[in-house]
Amino acid sequence: MKIDEAAARLESLGNPTRLKIYRMLVRAGDPGLAVGKLQSRLSIPGSTLSHHLKTLIIVGLVSQERDATTLICRANYAVMRGLVEFLVAECCTEADCTSLRQKTGSAA
């Protein structure tokens, strides 16, 4: 992942409402959630939700699919994993990470 892609994705998650939306979609799993269900859970106007979803869709964190008259939103887990991997890819490359290895049990 390029730094510009990671920055755009992190920026989109930097808004509290978008972070709430994204976490809801992550919890929903592969079936995703209907836009109407997201709206009722968040208690926000449809136009506000649409604006926030558009931002998440543009950076690839969320996908949207129409099922008859219902719009279903899903977290894009591959993109999420890629972002997390990007963040930890160079962990401790310039220092000894003994304490991190002890906490996580990994080779960091």
N, C-alpha and C. Protein backbone atom coordinates (compact mmCIF):
# COMPACT_ATOMS: atom_id res chain seq x y z
N MET A 1 0.85 -1.17 0.00
CA MET A 1 0.00 0.00 0.00
C MET A 1 0.90 1.24 0.00
N LYS A 2 0.53 2.20 -0.80
CA LYS A 2 1.28 3.44 -0.88
C LYS A 2 0.88 4.36 0.27
N ILE A 3 1.79 5.23 0.64
CA ILE A 3 1.56 6.12 1.78
C ILE A 3 0.35 7.03 1.55
N ASP A 4 0.14 7.48 0.31
CA ASP A 4 -1.01 8.34 0.02
C ASP A 4 -2.34 7.60 0.22
N GLU A 5 -2.37 6.32 -0.16
CA GLU A 5 -3.58 5.51 0.05
C GLU A 5 -3.85 5.34 1.54
N ALA A 6 -2.81 5.01 2.27
CA ALA A 6 -2.97 4.81 3.72
C ALA A 6 -3.43 6.11 4.38
N ALA A 7 -2.84 7.22 3.99
CA ALA A 7 -3.21 8.51 4.57
C ALA A 7 -4.67 8.84 4.30
N ALA A 8 -5.13 8.61 3.08
CA ALA A 8 -6.53 8.89 2.74
C ALA A 8 -7.48 8.01 3.55
N ARG A 9 -7.12 6.76 3.72
CA ARG A 9 -7.98 5.84 4.49
C ARG A 9 -8.00 6.22 5.96
N LEU A 10 -6.85 6.55 6.50
CA LEU A 10 -6.80 6.96 7.90
C LEU A 10 -7.54 8.28 8.11
N GLU A 11 -7.41 9.19 7.16
CA GLU A 11 -8.12 10.46 7.25
C GLU A 11 -9.63 10.24 7.26
N SER A 12 -10.11 9.32 6.43
CA SER A 12 -11.55 9.06 6.38
C SER A 12 -12.05 8.48 7.70
N LEU A 13 -11.21 7.72 8.37
CA LEU A 13 -11.60 7.14 9.67
C LEU A 13 -11.40 8.13 10.82
N GLY A 14 -10.81 9.29 10.53
CA GLY A 14 -10.55 10.28 11.56
C GLY A 14 -11.78 11.05 12.00
N ASN A 15 -12.89 10.86 11.33
CA ASN A 15 -14.14 11.50 11.72
C ASN A 15 -14.91 10.56 12.64
N PRO A 16 -15.37 11.01 13.80
CA PRO A 16 -16.05 10.11 14.74
C PRO A 16 -17.26 9.38 14.16
N THR A 17 -18.07 10.07 13.35
CA THR A 17 -19.24 9.43 12.77
C THR A 17 -18.83 8.34 11.78
N ARG A 18 -17.84 8.64 10.94
CA ARG A 18 -17.39 7.62 9.99
C ARG A 18 -16.76 6.44 10.69
N LEU A 19 -16.03 6.70 11.77
CA LEU A 19 -15.45 5.60 12.53
C LEU A 19 -16.54 4.73 13.16
N LYS A 20 -17.61 5.34 13.65
CA LYS A 20 -18.76 4.57 14.18
C LYS A 20 -19.38 3.71 13.09
N ILE A 21 -19.59 4.31 11.92
CA ILE A 21 -20.17 3.58 10.79
C ILE A 21 -19.30 2.39 10.44
N TYR A 22 -18.00 2.64 10.31
CA TYR A 22 -17.08 1.59 9.90
C TYR A 22 -17.05 0.46 10.93
N ARG A 23 -17.01 0.79 12.19
CA ARG A 23 -16.99 -0.23 13.24
C ARG A 23 -18.29 -1.05 13.22
N MET A 24 -19.41 -0.40 12.97
CA MET A 24 -20.68 -1.13 12.85
C MET A 24 -20.63 -2.13 11.70
N LEU A 25 -20.07 -1.70 10.59
CA LEU A 25 -19.98 -2.58 9.42
C LEU A 25 -19.00 -3.72 9.66
N VAL A 26 -17.92 -3.45 10.35
CA VAL A 26 -16.96 -4.50 10.68
C VAL A 26 -17.65 -5.54 11.58
N ARG A 27 -18.39 -5.08 12.57
CA ARG A 27 -19.11 -6.00 13.47
C ARG A 27 -20.18 -6.79 12.72
N ALA A 28 -20.78 -6.20 11.70
CA ALA A 28 -21.86 -6.86 10.96
C ALA A 28 -21.36 -8.06 10.16
N GLY A 29 -20.08 -8.09 9.84
CA GLY A 29 -19.54 -9.21 9.09
C GLY A 29 -19.91 -9.16 7.61
N ASP A 30 -19.75 -10.29 6.95
CA ASP A 30 -19.97 -10.36 5.50
C ASP A 30 -21.38 -9.98 5.05
N PRO A 31 -22.42 -10.25 5.83
CA PRO A 31 -23.76 -9.85 5.36
C PRO A 31 -23.93 -8.34 5.24
N GLY A 32 -23.15 -7.58 6.00
CA GLY A 32 -23.26 -6.13 5.94
C GLY A 32 -24.52 -5.63 6.62
N LEU A 33 -24.81 -4.36 6.40
CA LEU A 33 -26.00 -3.73 6.97
C LEU A 33 -26.67 -2.87 5.92
N ALA A 34 -27.98 -2.84 5.97
CA ALA A 34 -28.75 -1.96 5.10
C ALA A 34 -28.53 -0.52 5.55
N VAL A 35 -28.55 0.40 4.60
CA VAL A 35 -28.37 1.81 4.90
C VAL A 35 -29.41 2.27 5.92
N GLY A 36 -30.65 1.82 5.77
CA GLY A 36 -31.71 2.20 6.71
C GLY A 36 -31.42 1.75 8.13
N LYS A 37 -30.84 0.58 8.27
CA LYS A 37 -30.50 0.07 9.60
C LYS A 37 -29.36 0.89 10.20
N LEU A 38 -28.36 1.22 9.37
CA LEU A 38 -27.28 2.10 9.84
C LEU A 38 -27.84 3.44 10.32
N GLN A 39 -28.73 3.98 9.52
CA GLN A 39 -29.30 5.30 9.85
C GLN A 39 -30.06 5.25 11.17
N SER A 40 -30.87 4.22 11.36
CA SER A 40 -31.64 4.15 12.61
C SER A 40 -30.74 3.90 13.81
N ARG A 41 -29.68 3.12 13.66
CA ARG A 41 -28.76 2.87 14.77
C ARG A 41 -27.97 4.11 15.16
N LEU A 42 -27.65 4.93 14.17
CA LEU A 42 -26.86 6.13 14.42
C LEU A 42 -27.72 7.36 14.73
N SER A 43 -29.00 7.28 14.39
CA SER A 43 -29.92 8.42 14.58
C SER A 43 -29.39 9.68 13.91
N ILE A 44 -29.02 9.54 12.62
CA ILE A 44 -28.56 10.70 11.86
C ILE A 44 -29.39 10.80 10.58
N PRO A 45 -29.49 12.01 10.02
CA PRO A 45 -30.24 12.18 8.77
C PRO A 45 -29.62 11.36 7.63
N GLY A 46 -30.47 10.94 6.70
CA GLY A 46 -30.02 10.16 5.56
C GLY A 46 -28.95 10.87 4.74
N SER A 47 -29.09 12.17 4.58
CA SER A 47 -28.10 12.91 3.78
C SER A 47 -26.74 12.92 4.46
N THR A 48 -26.73 12.99 5.78
CA THR A 48 -25.47 12.96 6.53
C THR A 48 -24.81 11.59 6.40
N LEU A 49 -25.62 10.55 6.55
CA LEU A 49 -25.10 9.19 6.42
C LEU A 49 -24.55 8.96 5.02
N SER A 50 -25.28 9.42 4.02
CA SER A 50 -24.84 9.28 2.63
C SER A 50 -23.49 9.95 2.41
N HIS A 51 -23.32 11.13 2.95
CA HIS A 51 -22.05 11.86 2.82
C HIS A 51 -20.90 11.05 3.43
N HIS A 52 -21.12 10.52 4.62
CA HIS A 52 -20.06 9.77 5.30
C HIS A 52 -19.77 8.45 4.59
N LEU A 53 -20.81 7.77 4.13
CA LEU A 53 -20.60 6.52 3.39
C LEU A 53 -19.81 6.76 2.11
N LYS A 54 -20.15 7.84 1.42
CA LYS A 54 -19.44 8.16 0.17
C LYS A 54 -17.94 8.30 0.42
N THR A 55 -17.58 8.97 1.51
CA THR A 55 -16.17 9.14 1.86
C THR A 55 -15.49 7.79 2.08
N LEU A 56 -16.16 6.89 2.80
CA LEU A 56 -15.59 5.56 3.08
C LEU A 56 -15.52 4.70 1.82
N ILE A 57 -16.49 4.87 0.93
CA ILE A 57 -16.51 4.11 -0.33
C ILE A 57 -15.38 4.58 -1.25
N ILE A 58 -15.18 5.88 -1.34
CA ILE A 58 -14.14 6.44 -2.22
C ILE A 58 -12.76 5.89 -1.88
N VAL A 59 -12.46 5.72 -0.59
CA VAL A 59 -11.15 5.22 -0.20
C VAL A 59 -11.09 3.70 -0.15
N GLY A 60 -12.19 3.04 -0.45
CA GLY A 60 -12.21 1.58 -0.56
C GLY A 60 -12.44 0.82 0.73
N LEU A 61 -12.72 1.51 1.82
CA LEU A 61 -12.97 0.82 3.08
C LEU A 61 -14.34 0.17 3.14
N VAL A 62 -15.28 0.68 2.35
CA VAL A 62 -16.66 0.19 2.35
C VAL A 62 -17.10 -0.04 0.92
N SER A 63 -17.91 -1.08 0.73
CA SER A 63 -18.55 -1.30 -0.57
C SER A 63 -20.05 -1.24 -0.35
N GLN A 64 -20.74 -0.95 -1.43
CA GLN A 64 -22.20 -0.83 -1.37
C GLN A 64 -22.80 -1.62 -2.52
N GLU A 65 -23.86 -2.33 -2.22
CA GLU A 65 -24.52 -3.17 -3.23
C GLU A 65 -26.02 -3.02 -3.10
N ARG A 66 -26.69 -2.94 -4.23
CA ARG A 66 -28.15 -2.81 -4.22
C ARG A 66 -28.76 -4.20 -4.26
N ASP A 67 -29.70 -4.43 -3.35
CA ASP A 67 -30.48 -5.67 -3.31
C ASP A 67 -31.94 -5.25 -3.42
N ALA A 68 -32.47 -5.29 -4.65
CA ALA A 68 -33.81 -4.77 -4.95
C ALA A 68 -33.85 -3.28 -4.60
N THR A 69 -34.60 -2.91 -3.57
CA THR A 69 -34.70 -1.49 -3.21
C THR A 69 -33.82 -1.13 -2.01
N THR A 70 -33.04 -2.08 -1.54
CA THR A 70 -32.23 -1.86 -0.35
C THR A 70 -30.75 -1.74 -0.72
N LEU A 71 -30.10 -0.75 -0.14
CA LEU A 71 -28.65 -0.60 -0.30
C LEU A 71 -27.97 -1.27 0.89
N ILE A 72 -27.11 -2.23 0.59
CA ILE A 72 -26.37 -2.95 1.61
C ILE A 72 -24.93 -2.45 1.62
N CYS A 73 -24.43 -2.13 2.79
CA CYS A 73 -23.04 -1.67 2.95
C CYS A 73 -22.24 -2.75 3.65
N ARG A 74 -21.00 -2.92 3.21
CA ARG A 74 -20.10 -3.91 3.81
C ARG A 74 -18.72 -3.31 3.99
N ALA A 75 -18.07 -3.71 5.07
CA ALA A 75 -16.67 -3.34 5.27
C ALA A 75 -15.84 -4.16 4.29
N ASN A 76 -14.83 -3.54 3.72
CA ASN A 76 -13.91 -4.24 2.83
C ASN A 76 -12.76 -4.73 3.70
N TYR A 77 -12.83 -6.01 4.10
CA TYR A 77 -11.86 -6.56 5.05
C TYR A 77 -10.45 -6.64 4.46
N ALA A 78 -10.33 -6.86 3.17
CA ALA A 78 -9.00 -6.93 2.56
C ALA A 78 -8.30 -5.57 2.66
N VAL A 79 -9.04 -4.51 2.44
CA VAL A 79 -8.47 -3.16 2.54
C VAL A 79 -8.13 -2.86 4.00
N MET A 80 -9.01 -3.25 4.91
CA MET A 80 -8.76 -3.04 6.34
C MET A 80 -7.49 -3.76 6.78
N ARG A 81 -7.35 -5.02 6.38
CA ARG A 81 -6.15 -5.79 6.73
C ARG A 81 -4.90 -5.15 6.14
N GLY A 82 -5.02 -4.69 4.89
CA GLY A 82 -3.88 -4.04 4.24
C GLY A 82 -3.45 -2.78 4.97
N LEU A 83 -4.41 -2.02 5.47
CA LEU A 83 -4.10 -0.81 6.21
C LEU A 83 -3.41 -1.15 7.54
N VAL A 84 -3.92 -2.13 8.23
CA VAL A 84 -3.30 -2.55 9.49
C VAL A 84 -1.89 -3.09 9.23
N GLU A 85 -1.73 -3.90 8.20
CA GLU A 85 -0.41 -4.42 7.85
C GLU A 85 0.56 -3.30 7.50
N PHE A 86 0.06 -2.29 6.78
CA PHE A 86 0.89 -1.14 6.44
C PHE A 86 1.38 -0.44 7.71
N LEU A 87 0.49 -0.31 8.70
CA LEU A 87 0.84 0.39 9.93
C LEU A 87 1.88 -0.36 10.75
N VAL A 88 1.87 -1.68 10.70
CA VAL A 88 2.81 -2.45 11.53
C VAL A 88 3.98 -3.03 10.75
N ALA A 89 4.01 -2.83 9.46
CA ALA A 89 5.03 -3.45 8.60
C ALA A 89 6.46 -3.13 9.04
N GLU A 90 6.70 -1.96 9.49
CA GLU A 90 8.06 -1.57 9.85
C GLU A 90 8.23 -1.39 11.35
N CYS A 91 7.37 -2.03 12.09
CA CYS A 91 7.43 -1.93 13.55
C CYS A 91 8.81 -2.35 14.05
N CYS A 92 9.41 -1.46 14.77
CA CYS A 92 10.68 -1.70 15.47
C CYS A 92 11.84 -2.04 14.52
N THR A 93 11.79 -1.63 13.27
CA THR A 93 12.89 -1.93 12.36
C THR A 93 14.14 -1.14 12.72
N GLU A 94 13.98 -0.09 13.50
CA GLU A 94 15.13 0.72 13.89
C GLU A 94 15.42 0.62 15.39
N ALA A 95 14.80 -0.34 16.04
CA ALA A 95 15.00 -0.49 17.48
C ALA A 95 14.75 -1.94 17.88
N ASP A 96 15.18 -2.26 19.08
CA ASP A 96 14.93 -3.59 19.63
C ASP A 96 13.51 -3.63 20.18
N CYS A 97 12.73 -4.58 19.73
CA CYS A 97 11.34 -4.68 20.15
C CYS A 97 11.11 -5.83 21.11
N THR A 98 12.02 -6.06 22.00
CA THR A 98 11.89 -7.15 22.95
C THR A 98 10.59 -7.03 23.73
N SER A 99 10.24 -5.83 24.18
CA SER A 99 9.02 -5.66 24.97
C SER A 99 7.78 -5.94 24.12
N LEU A 100 7.79 -5.55 22.85
CA LEU A 100 6.66 -5.82 21.99
C LEU A 100 6.52 -7.33 21.74
N ARG A 101 7.62 -8.01 21.51
CA ARG A 101 7.57 -9.46 21.29
C ARG A 101 7.02 -10.16 22.51
N GLN A 102 7.40 -9.72 23.69
CA GLN A 102 6.93 -10.36 24.92
C GLN A 102 5.43 -10.17 25.09
N LYS A 103 4.91 -9.01 24.71
CA LYS A 103 3.48 -8.72 24.86
C LYS A 103 2.64 -9.48 23.84
N THR A 104 3.13 -9.57 22.59
CA THR A 104 2.32 -10.16 21.52
C THR A 104 2.70 -11.58 21.20
N GLY A 105 3.87 -12.00 21.61
CA GLY A 105 4.34 -13.34 21.27
C GLY A 105 4.79 -13.47 19.83
N SER A 106 4.96 -12.32 19.14
CA SER A 106 5.38 -12.33 17.75
C SER A 106 6.83 -11.91 17.61
N ALA A 107 7.31 -12.09 16.40
CA ALA A 107 8.68 -11.68 16.10
C ALA A 107 8.79 -10.22 15.77
N ALA A 108 7.63 -9.53 15.76
CA ALA A 108 7.53 -8.11 15.42
C ALA A 108 8.40 -7.84 14.26
